């Protein structure tokens, strides 16, 4: 009878590969959640109520241009916001989102090596 050779290292290598893949996947998920849906590094995002229409003068997420945004609904009337710098130096950038809602995204300009000035990263 021929005795089958058992490789005692095959199970260990399997678990090392699974562990490394799990860590890589976790790192990618953390990066994904750190990035907003617009691809801008953001600490937070917030929404205003749904509206009938929405208009953004800088065309959405443009951290290099100060824009203003207006939405309208019968229930809430006009809601207008202007891109602005917070006292902590972060930019609040507004855009039109699903349902004609105004979406505000907080952008840390310093991550890009810039500062926030007059509602834009410079």
Foldseek 3Di string as FASTA:
>chain_A
DDDDDDDPCPVVVVVVVVVVVVVVVVVVVVVVVQADPVRARFDDKDKDDFAPAKDWPVAFDDQADKIKMWGAHPVPGIDIDIWDADPVFWIWDWGQDPRRIIMTTTHRLVVVVFTDDGRHTD
